[in-house]
Amino acid sequence: MLTQLHAIDLKARAMIDARLATIGLTGAQWRALDAALEAPGSSSADLARRCGVSAQSMQTIVANLERDGLLVRQPHAVHGRVLQIYASNAGELRHAEGAVVVSAIEEQMLSTFAPEERTDLGRLLAIMLGSVRRR
C-alpha cells in the first residue's frame, strides 16, 4: 500500500507542478504560500517544517517568492535576527489562483469515486495520518 501511496504522491506532484507552471508557480512555491497564509509571521525554518522540505530549500523558495513580490520578510519585533514571512496581496491572489488549479487536480483524481467513497477515503486517510503523527 505504501508503494501505491508513493506513486499517487509522485503523480499528483507532477500534475501540480505542470499545471501551476501556467501561473508561474511550482508546487513547492504554492505550498510555501499556503503555509505562509496558514501561519502568518512564520520563519523560513517554520515554513520548511510545515512543507516537509529542508531549511536550505525553503530559503531558496522564499527568496524567489520575495523577488517575485509574493512574500515579504520583516524582522521580528523582539528577535531582530528572525525574519517573519507574510504573503503579500499579490501572493494571496496567486495562491488563490493556485488553489483553483490544485482543487481541479484533486477533483480529477477523485472523479471515479462515489460521494460516500470520497467521504470514506478522507476518513481513512485522516486515521492513517493520525496514527503516524502520534509516533
Protein backbone atom coordinates (compact mmCIF):
# COMPACT_ATOMS: atom_id res chain seq x y z
CA MET A 1 0.00 0.00 0.00
CA LEU A 2 2.88 2.41 0.70
CA THR A 3 4.09 1.87 -2.85
CA GLN A 4 0.68 2.93 -4.12
CA LEU A 5 0.60 5.99 -1.86
CA HIS A 6 4.06 6.95 -3.08
CA ALA A 7 3.04 6.51 -6.72
CA ILE A 8 -0.05 8.67 -6.15
CA ASP A 9 2.08 11.34 -4.45
CA LEU A 10 4.60 11.39 -7.31
CA LYS A 11 1.88 11.63 -9.96
CA ALA A 12 -0.01 14.32 -8.06
CA ARG A 13 3.16 16.39 -7.59
CA ALA A 14 3.98 16.12 -11.30
CA MET A 15 0.46 17.17 -12.27
CA ILE A 16 0.50 20.06 -9.79
CA ASP A 17 3.91 21.29 -10.97
CA ALA A 18 2.88 21.13 -14.64
CA ARG A 19 -0.40 22.96 -14.15
CA LEU A 20 0.88 25.54 -11.67
CA ALA A 21 3.63 26.42 -14.16
CA THR A 22 0.89 28.05 -16.24
CA ILE A 23 0.50 30.68 -13.50
CA GLY A 24 4.22 30.98 -12.80
CA LEU A 25 4.49 28.80 -9.69
CA THR A 26 5.94 25.46 -8.73
CA GLY A 27 4.19 23.09 -6.36
CA ALA A 28 6.78 23.87 -3.68
CA GLN A 29 6.17 27.60 -4.08
CA TRP A 30 2.40 27.15 -3.85
CA ARG A 31 2.80 25.04 -0.69
CA ALA A 32 5.06 27.74 0.81
CA LEU A 33 2.45 30.41 0.06
CA ASP A 34 -0.19 28.14 1.56
CA ALA A 35 1.87 27.68 4.73
CA ALA A 36 2.59 31.42 4.98
CA LEU A 37 -1.13 32.14 4.75
CA GLU A 38 -1.95 29.47 7.34
CA ALA A 39 0.68 30.73 9.78
CA PRO A 40 1.49 34.39 9.06
CA GLY A 41 4.72 35.60 10.63
CA SER A 42 6.41 32.21 10.46
CA SER A 43 10.14 31.96 9.98
CA SER A 44 11.65 30.23 6.98
CA ALA A 45 12.53 27.26 9.21
CA ASP A 46 8.91 27.05 10.38
CA LEU A 47 7.68 27.03 6.79
CA ALA A 48 10.23 24.35 5.90
CA ARG A 49 8.86 22.09 8.66
CA ARG A 50 5.27 22.74 7.60
CA CYS A 51 6.09 21.92 3.96
CA GLY A 52 8.38 18.97 4.59
CA VAL A 53 11.44 20.43 2.87
CA SER A 54 14.91 21.29 4.10
CA ALA A 55 15.62 24.71 5.57
CA GLN A 56 18.01 25.35 2.68
CA SER A 57 15.36 24.53 0.09
CA MET A 58 12.85 26.80 1.82
CA GLN A 59 15.38 29.65 1.88
CA THR A 60 15.58 29.42 -1.91
CA ILE A 61 11.81 29.15 -2.31
CA VAL A 62 11.21 32.15 -0.03
CA ALA A 63 13.89 34.23 -1.77
CA ASN A 64 12.30 33.55 -5.17
CA LEU A 65 8.79 34.31 -3.92
CA GLU A 66 10.06 37.51 -2.29
CA ARG A 67 11.84 38.50 -5.52
CA ASP A 68 8.55 38.00 -7.38
CA GLY A 69 6.67 40.14 -4.84
CA LEU A 70 4.59 37.27 -3.48
CA LEU A 71 6.12 37.12 0.02
CA VAL A 72 7.58 39.78 2.29
CA ARG A 73 10.04 39.28 5.15
CA GLN A 74 10.11 41.56 8.18
CA PRO A 75 12.38 41.48 11.21
CA HIS A 76 10.75 40.06 14.34
CA ALA A 77 9.88 42.82 16.84
CA VAL A 78 11.79 41.12 19.68
CA HIS A 79 14.22 38.77 17.96
CA GLY A 80 15.60 41.04 15.25
CA ARG A 81 17.64 38.32 13.57
CA VAL A 82 14.49 36.27 12.95
CA LEU A 83 12.68 37.23 9.76
CA GLN A 84 8.92 36.78 9.80
CA ILE A 85 7.31 35.85 6.49
CA TYR A 86 3.99 37.11 5.21
CA ALA A 87 2.16 36.68 1.92
CA SER A 88 1.76 39.95 0.03
CA ASN A 89 -1.54 40.90 -1.59
CA ALA A 90 -0.13 39.60 -4.87
CA GLY A 91 0.88 36.40 -3.07
CA GLU A 92 -2.65 35.92 -1.75
CA LEU A 93 -4.05 36.36 -5.25
CA ARG A 94 -1.54 33.94 -6.80
CA HIS A 95 -2.24 31.43 -4.02
CA ALA A 96 -5.96 31.66 -4.80
CA GLU A 97 -5.24 31.03 -8.49
CA GLY A 98 -3.15 28.03 -7.49
CA ALA A 99 -5.90 26.74 -5.19
CA VAL A 100 -8.21 26.53 -8.19
CA VAL A 101 -5.58 24.50 -10.06
CA VAL A 102 -4.92 22.18 -7.10
CA SER A 103 -8.65 21.68 -6.48
CA ALA A 104 -9.18 20.75 -10.12
CA ILE A 105 -6.43 18.13 -9.86
CA GLU A 106 -7.96 16.74 -6.68
CA GLU A 107 -11.34 16.57 -8.39
CA GLN A 108 -9.78 14.77 -11.36
CA MET A 109 -8.12 12.25 -9.06
CA LEU A 110 -11.37 11.59 -7.19
CA SER A 111 -13.68 11.67 -10.20
CA THR A 112 -14.27 7.91 -10.27
CA PHE A 113 -15.33 7.78 -6.62
CA ALA A 114 -18.93 7.98 -5.47
CA PRO A 115 -19.62 10.67 -2.83
CA GLU A 116 -19.70 8.13 0.01
CA GLU A 117 -16.40 6.63 -1.21
CA ARG A 118 -14.81 10.08 -1.12
CA THR A 119 -16.02 10.51 2.44
CA ASP A 120 -14.70 7.08 3.40
CA LEU A 121 -11.34 7.75 1.75
CA GLY A 122 -10.97 11.08 3.53
CA ARG A 123 -11.85 9.48 6.87
CA LEU A 124 -9.42 6.58 6.36
CA LEU A 125 -6.59 8.87 5.28
CA ALA A 126 -7.20 11.08 8.34
CA ILE A 127 -6.99 8.00 10.58
CA MET A 128 -3.78 6.90 8.87
CA LEU A 129 -2.27 10.37 9.17
CA GLY A 130 -3.22 10.49 12.84
CA SER A 131 -1.51 7.19 13.52
CA VAL A 132 1.79 8.33 12.03
CA ARG A 133 1.66 11.76 13.72
CA ARG A 134 1.43 10.09 17.14
CA ARG A 135 4.73 8.26 16.62
